[in-house]
Amino acid sequence: MAFTYILECADGSYYAGSTTDLERRVAQHAAGEGAAYTRRRRPVKLAWSMQMDSIAEAYYLEKKLQGWSRAKRRCVVEGRYADLKSNMKE
């Protein structure tokens, strides 16, 4: 079991990641032990997550989300998946 997740940072930006232990990883980010990006933008909160069958799938989705604009990530966080369909090539 693995997860892809999006954190909302204190500056309003979004950070996408993947892990096999979501609770532990979010706690690491919150404690400043996660990525350098989130370390400089604390506090962070879990905004969205999706359970995946494998870490490979979770990592693939993470990389896809990282390439998306903030607006597209916000659609994911807000569950507005229909708004993404017209822009899935980005």
PDB file of N, CA and C in Angstrom:
ATOM      1  N   MET A   1       0.845  -1.172   0.000  1.00  0.00           N
ATOM      2  CA  MET A   1       0.000   0.000   0.000  1.00  0.00           C
ATOM      3  C   MET A   1       0.898   1.246   0.000  1.00  0.00           C
ATOM      4  N   ALA A   2       0.513   2.224  -0.768  1.00  0.00           N
ATOM      5  CA  ALA A   2       1.267   3.475  -0.880  1.00  0.00           C
ATOM      6  C   ALA A   2       0.289   4.623  -1.052  1.00  0.00           C
ATOM      7  N   PHE A   3       0.810   5.826  -0.926  1.00  0.00           N
ATOM      8  CA  PHE A   3      -0.016   7.016  -1.021  1.00  0.00           C
ATOM      9  C   PHE A   3       0.673   8.091  -1.834  1.00  0.00           C
ATOM     10  N   THR A   4      -0.115   8.842  -2.575  1.00  0.00           N
ATOM     11  CA  THR A   4       0.305  10.110  -3.145  1.00  0.00           C
ATOM     12  C   THR A   4      -0.443  11.154  -2.330  1.00  0.00           C
ATOM     13  N   TYR A   5       0.236  12.250  -2.019  1.00  0.00           N
ATOM     14  CA  TYR A   5      -0.389  13.254  -1.169  1.00  0.00           C
ATOM     15  C   TYR A   5      -0.021  14.659  -1.618  1.00  0.00           C
ATOM     16  N   ILE A   6      -0.832  15.603  -1.196  1.00  0.00           N
ATOM     17  CA  ILE A   6      -0.556  17.021  -1.408  1.00  0.00           C
ATOM     18  C   ILE A   6      -0.646  17.703  -0.051  1.00  0.00           C
ATOM     19  N   LEU A   7       0.392  18.459   0.279  1.00  0.00           N
ATOM     20  CA  LEU A   7       0.402  19.279   1.485  1.00  0.00           C
ATOM     21  C   LEU A   7       0.130  20.722   1.097  1.00  0.00           C
ATOM     22  N   GLU A   8      -0.596  21.427   1.938  1.00  0.00           N
ATOM     23  CA  GLU A   8      -0.725  22.872   1.769  1.00  0.00           C
ATOM     24  C   GLU A   8       0.244  23.519   2.743  1.00  0.00           C
ATOM     25  N   CYS A   9       1.106  24.367   2.228  1.00  0.00           N
ATOM     26  CA  CYS A   9       2.126  25.023   3.037  1.00  0.00           C
ATOM     27  C   CYS A   9       1.610  26.354   3.572  1.00  0.00           C
ATOM     28  N   ALA A  10       2.322  26.897   4.555  1.00  0.00           N
ATOM     29  CA  ALA A  10       1.927  28.150   5.199  1.00  0.00           C
ATOM     30  C   ALA A  10       1.819  29.303   4.212  1.00  0.00           C
ATOM     31  N   ASP A  11       2.610  29.265   3.134  1.00  0.00           N
ATOM     32  CA  ASP A  11       2.562  30.351   2.146  1.00  0.00           C
ATOM     33  C   ASP A  11       1.486  30.129   1.083  1.00  0.00           C
ATOM     34  N   GLY A  12       0.668  29.082   1.240  1.00  0.00           N
ATOM     35  CA  GLY A  12      -0.409  28.802   0.300  1.00  0.00           C
ATOM     36  C   GLY A  12      -0.007  27.928  -0.868  1.00  0.00           C
ATOM     37  N   SER A  13       1.262  27.573  -0.958  1.00  0.00           N
ATOM     38  CA  SER A  13       1.715  26.706  -2.039  1.00  0.00           C
ATOM     39  C   SER A  13       1.370  25.258  -1.720  1.00  0.00           C
ATOM     40  N   TYR A  14       1.443  24.420  -2.732  1.00  0.00           N
ATOM     41  CA  TYR A  14       1.172  22.999  -2.571  1.00  0.00           C
ATOM     42  C   TYR A  14       2.428  22.197  -2.833  1.00  0.00           C
ATOM     43  N   TYR A  15       2.604  21.128  -2.061  1.00  0.00           N
ATOM     44  CA  TYR A  15       3.727  20.213  -2.219  1.00  0.00           C
ATOM     45  C   TYR A  15       3.167  18.820  -2.454  1.00  0.00           C
ATOM     46  N   ALA A  16       3.618  18.151  -3.496  1.00  0.00           N
ATOM     47  CA  ALA A  16       3.170  16.790  -3.798  1.00  0.00           C
ATOM     48  C   ALA A  16       4.263  15.800  -3.434  1.00  0.00           C
ATOM     49  N   GLY A  17       3.863  14.689  -2.850  1.00  0.00           N
ATOM     50  CA  GLY A  17       4.810  13.652  -2.474  1.00  0.00           C
ATOM     51  C   GLY A  17       4.168  12.283  -2.530  1.00  0.00           C
ATOM     52  N   SER A  18       4.985  11.261  -2.235  1.00  0.00           N
ATOM     53  CA  SER A  18       4.483   9.890  -2.173  1.00  0.00           C
ATOM     54  C   SER A  18       5.208   9.164  -1.047  1.00  0.00           C
ATOM     55  N   THR A  19       4.553   8.160  -0.493  1.00  0.00           N
ATOM     56  CA  THR A  19       5.102   7.435   0.647  1.00  0.00           C
ATOM     57  C   THR A  19       4.362   6.124   0.852  1.00  0.00           C
ATOM     58  N   THR A  20       4.955   5.258   1.665  1.00  0.00           N
ATOM     59  CA  THR A  20       4.254   4.035   2.072  1.00  0.00           C
ATOM     60  C   THR A  20       3.667   4.184   3.471  1.00  0.00           C
ATOM     61  N   ASP A  21       3.987   5.273   4.166  1.00  0.00           N
ATOM     62  CA  ASP A  21       3.474   5.527   5.517  1.00  0.00           C
ATOM     63  C   ASP A  21       3.059   6.995   5.604  1.00  0.00           C
ATOM     64  N   LEU A  22       1.820   7.261   5.256  1.00  0.00           N
ATOM     65  CA  LEU A  22       1.337   8.641   5.137  1.00  0.00           C
ATOM     66  C   LEU A  22       1.420   9.392   6.465  1.00  0.00           C
ATOM     67  N   GLU A  23       0.958   8.802   7.530  1.00  0.00           N
ATOM     68  CA  GLU A  23       0.949   9.485   8.825  1.00  0.00           C
ATOM     69  C   GLU A  23       2.373   9.871   9.256  1.00  0.00           C
ATOM     70  N   ARG A  24       3.307   8.959   9.121  1.00  0.00           N
ATOM     71  CA  ARG A  24       4.697   9.226   9.488  1.00  0.00           C
ATOM     72  C   ARG A  24       5.295  10.321   8.614  1.00  0.00           C
ATOM     73  N   ARG A  25       5.025  10.259   7.315  1.00  0.00           N
ATOM     74  CA  ARG A  25       5.621  11.224   6.392  1.00  0.00           C
ATOM     75  C   ARG A  25       5.085  12.633   6.621  1.00  0.00           C
ATOM     76  N   VAL A  26       3.789  12.768   6.856  1.00  0.00           N
ATOM     77  CA  VAL A  26       3.213  14.086   7.136  1.00  0.00           C
ATOM     78  C   VAL A  26       3.799  14.629   8.439  1.00  0.00           C
ATOM     79  N   ALA A  27       3.968  13.779   9.438  1.00  0.00           N
ATOM     80  CA  ALA A  27       4.571  14.198  10.706  1.00  0.00           C
ATOM     81  C   ALA A  27       6.010  14.669  10.484  1.00  0.00           C
ATOM     82  N   GLN A  28       6.743  13.990   9.613  1.00  0.00           N
ATOM     83  CA  GLN A  28       8.114  14.412   9.301  1.00  0.00           C
ATOM     84  C   GLN A  28       8.122  15.809   8.684  1.00  0.00           C
ATOM     85  N   HIS A  29       7.248  16.031   7.715  1.00  0.00           N
ATOM     86  CA  HIS A  29       7.152  17.359   7.093  1.00  0.00           C
ATOM     87  C   HIS A  29       6.815  18.413   8.154  1.00  0.00           C
ATOM     88  N   ALA A  30       5.855  18.118   8.999  1.00  0.00           N
ATOM     89  CA  ALA A  30       5.414  19.073  10.018  1.00  0.00           C
ATOM     90  C   ALA A  30       6.522  19.398  11.011  1.00  0.00           C
ATOM     91  N   ALA A  31       7.404  18.437  11.263  1.00  0.00           N
ATOM     92  CA  ALA A  31       8.506  18.629  12.213  1.00  0.00           C
ATOM     93  C   ALA A  31       9.735  19.255  11.563  1.00  0.00           C
ATOM     94  N   GLY A  32       9.665  19.527  10.273  1.00  0.00           N
ATOM     95  CA  GLY A  32      10.804  20.105   9.578  1.00  0.00           C
ATOM     96  C   GLY A  32      11.825  19.080   9.138  1.00  0.00           C
ATOM     97  N   GLU A  33      11.442  17.818   9.142  1.00  0.00           N
ATOM     98  CA  GLU A  33      12.341  16.725   8.754  1.00  0.00           C
ATOM     99  C   GLU A  33      12.039  16.201   7.355  1.00  0.00           C
ATOM    100  N   GLY A  34      11.140  16.844   6.659  1.00  0.00           N
ATOM    101  CA  GLY A  34      10.773  16.413   5.319  1.00  0.00           C
ATOM    102  C   GLY A  34      11.634  17.101   4.288  1.00  0.00           C
ATOM    103  N   ALA A  35      11.084  17.358   3.153  1.00  0.00           N
ATOM    104  CA  ALA A  35      11.791  18.008   2.053  1.00  0.00           C
ATOM    105  C   ALA A  35      12.179  19.435   2.422  1.00  0.00           C
ATOM    106  N   ALA A  36      13.252  19.916   1.820  1.00  0.00           N
ATOM    107  CA  ALA A  36      13.708  21.292   2.054  1.00  0.00           C
ATOM    108  C   ALA A  36      12.600  22.287   1.711  1.00  0.00           C
ATOM    109  N   TYR A  37      11.812  21.986   0.695  1.00  0.00           N
ATOM    110  CA  TYR A  37      10.723  22.877   0.280  1.00  0.00           C
ATOM    111  C   TYR A  37       9.747  23.104   1.427  1.00  0.00           C
ATOM    112  N   THR A  38       9.302  22.024   2.050  1.00  0.00           N
ATOM    113  CA  THR A  38       8.318  22.161   3.129  1.00  0.00           C
ATOM    114  C   THR A  38       8.966  22.663   4.411  1.00  0.00           C
ATOM    115  N   ARG A  39      10.219  22.379   4.615  1.00  0.00           N
ATOM    116  CA  ARG A  39      10.930  22.839   5.812  1.00  0.00           C
ATOM    117  C   ARG A  39      10.905  24.361   5.916  1.00  0.00           C
ATOM    118  N   ARG A  40      10.982  25.018   4.771  1.00  0.00           N
ATOM    119  CA  ARG A  40      10.996  26.485   4.732  1.00  0.00           C
ATOM    120  C   ARG A  40       9.590  27.091   4.706  1.00  0.00           C
ATOM    121  N   ARG A  41       8.567  26.250   4.638  1.00  0.00           N
ATOM    122  CA  ARG A  41       7.195  26.755   4.480  1.00  0.00           C
ATOM    123  C   ARG A  41       6.238  26.188   5.525  1.00  0.00           C
ATOM    124  N   ARG A  42       6.732  25.890   6.694  1.00  0.00           N
ATOM    125  CA  ARG A  42       5.887  25.359   7.758  1.00  0.00           C
ATOM    126  C   ARG A  42       5.096  26.469   8.424  1.00  0.00           C
ATOM    127  N   PRO A  43       3.972  26.143   9.012  1.00  0.00           N
ATOM    128  CA  PRO A  43       3.439  24.791   9.139  1.00  0.00           C
ATOM    129  C   PRO A  43       2.791  24.300   7.845  1.00  0.00           C
ATOM    130  N   VAL A  44       2.726  22.995   7.740  1.00  0.00           N
ATOM    131  CA  VAL A  44       2.084  22.361   6.584  1.00  0.00           C
ATOM    132  C   VAL A  44       0.917  21.519   7.084  1.00  0.00           C
ATOM    133  N   LYS A  45      -0.047  21.303   6.195  1.00  0.00           N
ATOM    134  CA  LYS A  45      -1.166  20.422   6.560  1.00  0.00           C
ATOM    135  C   LYS A  45      -1.499  19.544   5.365  1.00  0.00           C
ATOM    136  N   LEU A  46      -1.957  18.357   5.666  1.00  0.00           N
ATOM    137  CA  LEU A  46      -2.366  17.433   4.616  1.00  0.00           C
ATOM    138  C   LEU A  46      -3.636  17.962   3.973  1.00  0.00           C
ATOM    139  N   ALA A  47      -3.578  18.209   2.669  1.00  0.00           N
ATOM    140  CA  ALA A  47      -4.727  18.751   1.944  1.00  0.00           C
ATOM    141  C   ALA A  47      -5.462  17.673   1.155  1.00  0.00           C
ATOM    142  N   TRP A  48      -4.734  16.634   0.742  1.00  0.00           N
ATOM    143  CA  TRP A  48      -5.331  15.595  -0.108  1.00  0.00           C
ATOM    144  C   TRP A  48      -4.420  14.374  -0.097  1.00  0.00           C
ATOM    145  N   SER A  49      -5.006  13.205  -0.212  1.00  0.00           N
ATOM    146  CA  SER A  49      -4.216  11.977  -0.385  1.00  0.00           C
ATOM    147  C   SER A  49      -5.032  10.947  -1.137  1.00  0.00           C
ATOM    148  N   MET A  50      -4.308  10.044  -1.777  1.00  0.00           N
ATOM    149  CA  MET A  50      -4.947   8.953  -2.504  1.00  0.00           C
ATOM    150  C   MET A  50      -4.138   7.685  -2.273  1.00  0.00           C
ATOM    151  N   GLN A  51      -4.835   6.639  -1.897  1.00  0.00           N
ATOM    152  CA  GLN A  51      -4.176   5.352  -1.700  1.00  0.00           C
ATOM    153  C   GLN A  51      -3.948   4.689  -3.051  1.00  0.00           C
ATOM    154  N   MET A  52      -2.776   4.140  -3.233  1.00  0.00           N
ATOM    155  CA  MET A  52      -2.400   3.493  -4.490  1.00  0.00           C
ATOM    156  C   MET A  52      -2.011   2.043  -4.200  1.00  0.00           C
ATOM    157  N   ASP A  53      -1.979   1.224  -5.243  1.00  0.00           N
ATOM    158  CA  ASP A  53      -1.619  -0.181  -5.071  1.00  0.00           C
ATOM    159  C   ASP A  53      -0.129  -0.402  -4.853  1.00  0.00           C
ATOM    160  N   SER A  54       0.699   0.495  -5.384  1.00  0.00           N
ATOM    161  CA  SER A  54       2.143   0.308  -5.267  1.00  0.00           C
ATOM    162  C   SER A  54       2.840   1.658  -5.149  1.00  0.00           C
ATOM    163  N   ILE A  55       4.046   1.638  -4.625  1.00  0.00           N
ATOM    164  CA  ILE A  55       4.820   2.864  -4.514  1.00  0.00           C
ATOM    165  C   ILE A  55       5.191   3.376  -5.908  1.00  0.00           C
ATOM    166  N   ALA A  56       5.344   2.500  -6.862  1.00  0.00           N
ATOM    167  CA  ALA A  56       5.650   2.927  -8.232  1.00  0.00           C
ATOM    168  C   ALA A  56       4.503   3.769  -8.789  1.00  0.00           C
ATOM    169  N   GLU A  57       3.267   3.325  -8.567  1.00  0.00           N
ATOM    170  CA  GLU A  57       2.107   4.098  -9.023  1.00  0.00           C
ATOM    171  C   GLU A  57       2.008   5.425  -8.274  1.00  0.00           C
ATOM    172  N   ALA A  58       2.257   5.393  -6.960  1.00  0.00           N
ATOM    173  CA  ALA A  58       2.193   6.614  -6.155  1.00  0.00           C
ATOM    174  C   ALA A  58       3.250   7.611  -6.620  1.00  0.00           C
ATOM    175  N   TYR A  59       4.452   7.128  -6.901  1.00  0.00           N
ATOM    176  CA  TYR A  59       5.538   7.996  -7.348  1.00  0.00           C
ATOM    177  C   TYR A  59       5.226   8.589  -8.725  1.00  0.00           C
ATOM    178  N   TYR A  60       4.652   7.777  -9.598  1.00  0.00           N
ATOM    179  CA  TYR A  60       4.273   8.260 -10.933  1.00  0.00           C
ATOM    180  C   TYR A  60       3.276   9.420 -10.827  1.00  0.00           C
ATOM    181  N   LEU A  61       2.256   9.251  -9.989  1.00  0.00           N
ATOM    182  CA  LEU A  61       1.265  10.316  -9.813  1.00  0.00           C
ATOM    183  C   LEU A  61       1.898  11.535  -9.151  1.00  0.00           C
ATOM    184  N   GLU A  62       2.786  11.317  -8.187  1.00  0.00           N
ATOM    185  CA  GLU A  62       3.489  12.439  -7.552  1.00  0.00           C
ATOM    186  C   GLU A  62       4.196  13.287  -8.605  1.00  0.00           C
ATOM    187  N   LYS A  63       4.951  12.648  -9.482  1.00  0.00           N
ATOM    188  CA  LYS A  63       5.704  13.372 -10.506  1.00  0.00           C
ATOM    189  C   LYS A  63       4.766  14.105 -11.462  1.00  0.00           C
ATOM    190  N   LYS A  64       3.632  13.497 -11.762  1.00  0.00           N
ATOM    191  CA  LYS A  64       2.650  14.150 -12.623  1.00  0.00           C
ATOM    192  C   LYS A  64       2.113  15.411 -11.952  1.00  0.00           C
ATOM    193  N   LEU A  65       1.739  15.296 -10.678  1.00  0.00           N
ATOM    194  CA  LEU A  65       1.227  16.443  -9.934  1.00  0.00           C
ATOM    195  C   LEU A  65       2.264  17.552  -9.810  1.00  0.00           C
ATOM    196  N   GLN A  66       3.512  17.177  -9.634  1.00  0.00           N
ATOM    197  CA  GLN A  66       4.576  18.179  -9.505  1.00  0.00           C
ATOM    198  C   GLN A  66       4.723  19.016 -10.765  1.00  0.00           C
ATOM    199  N   GLY A  67       4.352  18.471 -11.891  1.00  0.00           N
ATOM    200  CA  GLY A  67       4.433  19.208 -13.146  1.00  0.00           C
ATOM    201  C   GLY A  67       3.227  20.098 -13.421  1.00  0.00           C
ATOM    202  N   TRP A  68       2.228  19.995 -12.594  1.00  0.00           N
ATOM    203  CA  TRP A  68       1.005  20.763 -12.796  1.00  0.00           C
ATOM    204  C   TRP A  68       1.085  22.130 -12.118  1.00  0.00           C
ATOM    205  N   SER A  69       0.273  23.036 -12.604  1.00  0.00           N
ATOM    206  CA  SER A  69       0.172  24.369 -12.014  1.00  0.00           C
ATOM    207  C   SER A  69      -0.512  24.293 -10.648  1.00  0.00           C
ATOM    208  N   ARG A  70      -0.380  25.374  -9.904  1.00  0.00           N
ATOM    209  CA  ARG A  70      -1.056  25.462  -8.614  1.00  0.00           C
ATOM    210  C   ARG A  70      -2.569  25.345  -8.790  1.00  0.00           C
ATOM    211  N   ALA A  71      -3.085  25.943  -9.849  1.00  0.00           N
ATOM    212  CA  ALA A  71      -4.529  25.902 -10.104  1.00  0.00           C
ATOM    213  C   ALA A  71      -5.013  24.464 -10.322  1.00  0.00           C
ATOM    214  N   LYS A  72      -4.249  23.680 -11.054  1.00  0.00           N
ATOM    215  CA  LYS A  72      -4.642  22.285 -11.276  1.00  0.00           C
ATOM    216  C   LYS A  72      -4.535  21.467  -9.996  1.00  0.00           C
ATOM    217  N   ARG A  73      -3.512  21.726  -9.205  1.00  0.00           N
ATOM    218  CA  ARG A  73      -3.383  21.015  -7.924  1.00  0.00           C
ATOM    219  C   ARG A  73      -4.541  21.389  -7.008  1.00  0.00           C
ATOM    220  N   ARG A  74      -4.959  22.643  -7.065  1.00  0.00           N
ATOM    221  CA  ARG A  74      -6.092  23.079  -6.249  1.00  0.00           C
ATOM    222  C   ARG A  74      -7.364  22.336  -6.654  1.00  0.00           C
ATOM    223  N   CYS A  75      -7.545  22.100  -7.939  1.00  0.00           N
ATOM    224  CA  CYS A  75      -8.700  21.318  -8.395  1.00  0.00           C
ATOM    225  C   CYS A  75      -8.690  19.936  -7.751  1.00  0.00           C
ATOM    226  N   VAL A  76      -7.516  19.323  -7.681  1.00  0.00           N
ATOM    227  CA  VAL A  76      -7.394  18.006  -7.053  1.00  0.00           C
ATOM    228  C   VAL A  76      -7.755  18.100  -5.572  1.00  0.00           C
ATOM    229  N   VAL A  77      -7.167  19.053  -4.877  1.00  0.00           N
ATOM    230  CA  VAL A  77      -7.419  19.230  -3.448  1.00  0.00           C
ATOM    231  C   VAL A  77      -8.907  19.441  -3.178  1.00  0.00           C
ATOM    232  N   GLU A  78      -9.555  20.204  -4.030  1.00  0.00           N
ATOM    233  CA  GLU A  78     -10.980  20.515  -3.850  1.00  0.00           C
ATOM    234  C   GLU A  78     -11.901  19.454  -4.441  1.00  0.00           C
ATOM    235  N   GLY A  79     -11.334  18.427  -5.052  1.00  0.00           N
ATOM    236  CA  GLY A  79     -12.150  17.353  -5.612  1.00  0.00           C
ATOM    237  C   GLY A  79     -12.852  17.724  -6.901  1.00  0.00           C
ATOM    238  N   ARG A  80     -12.377  18.766  -7.566  1.00  0.00           N
ATOM    239  CA  ARG A  80     -13.004  19.217  -8.814  1.00  0.00           C
ATOM    240  C   ARG A  80     -12.315  18.537 -10.003  1.00  0.00           C
ATOM    241  N   TYR A  81     -12.413  17.227 -10.041  1.00  0.00           N
ATOM    242  CA  TYR A  81     -11.723  16.447 -11.078  1.00  0.00           C
ATOM    243  C   TYR A  81     -12.262  16.722 -12.472  1.00  0.00           C
ATOM    244  N   ALA A  82     -13.524  17.049 -12.592  1.00  0.00           N
ATOM    245  CA  ALA A  82     -14.113  17.341 -13.902  1.00  0.00           C
ATOM    246  C   ALA A  82     -13.446  18.566 -14.528  1.00  0.00           C
ATOM    247  N   ASP A  83     -12.990  19.496 -13.691  1.00  0.00           N
ATOM    248  CA  ASP A  83     -12.321  20.692 -14.200  1.00  0.00           C
ATOM    249  C   ASP A  83     -10.953  20.370 -14.794  1.00  0.00           C
ATOM    250  N   LEU A  84     -10.417  19.216 -14.472  1.00  0.00           N
ATOM    251  CA  LEU A  84      -9.097  18.822 -14.973  1.00  0.00           C
ATOM    252  C   LEU A  84      -9.163  18.194 -16.360  1.00  0.00           C
ATOM    253  N   LYS A  85     -10.256  17.588 -16.697  1.00  0.00           N
ATOM    254  CA  LYS A  85     -10.360  16.797 -17.925  1.00  0.00           C
ATOM    255  C   LYS A  85      -9.970  17.561 -19.173  1.00  0.00           C
ATOM    256  N   SER A  86     -10.312  18.821 -19.239  1.00  0.00           N
ATOM    257  CA  SER A  86      -9.987  19.584 -20.443  1.00  0.00           C
ATOM    258  C   SER A  86      -8.517  19.978 -20.496  1.00  0.00           C
ATOM    259  N   ASN A  87      -7.799  19.834 -19.376  1.00  0.00           N
ATOM    260  CA  ASN A  87      -6.398  20.241 -19.317  1.00  0.00           C
ATOM    261  C   ASN A  87      -5.459  19.089 -18.961  1.00  0.00           C
ATOM    262  N   MET A  88      -5.839  17.861 -19.190  1.00  0.00           N
ATOM    263  CA  MET A  88      -5.045  16.713 -18.772  1.00  0.00           C
ATOM    264  C   MET A  88      -3.721  16.567 -19.513  1.00  0.00           C
ATOM    265  N   LYS A  89      -3.543  17.264 -20.620  1.00  0.00           N
ATOM    266  CA  LYS A  89      -2.304  17.157 -21.379  1.00  0.00           C
ATOM    267  C   LYS A  89      -1.159  17.931 -20.727  1.00  0.00           C
ATOM    268  N   GLU A  90      -1.472  18.814 -19.823  1.00  0.00           N
ATOM    269  CA  GLU A  90      -0.432  19.627 -19.145  1.00  0.00           C
ATOM    270  C   GLU A  90       0.353  18.791 -18.180  1.00  0.00           C
TER     271      GLU A  90
END
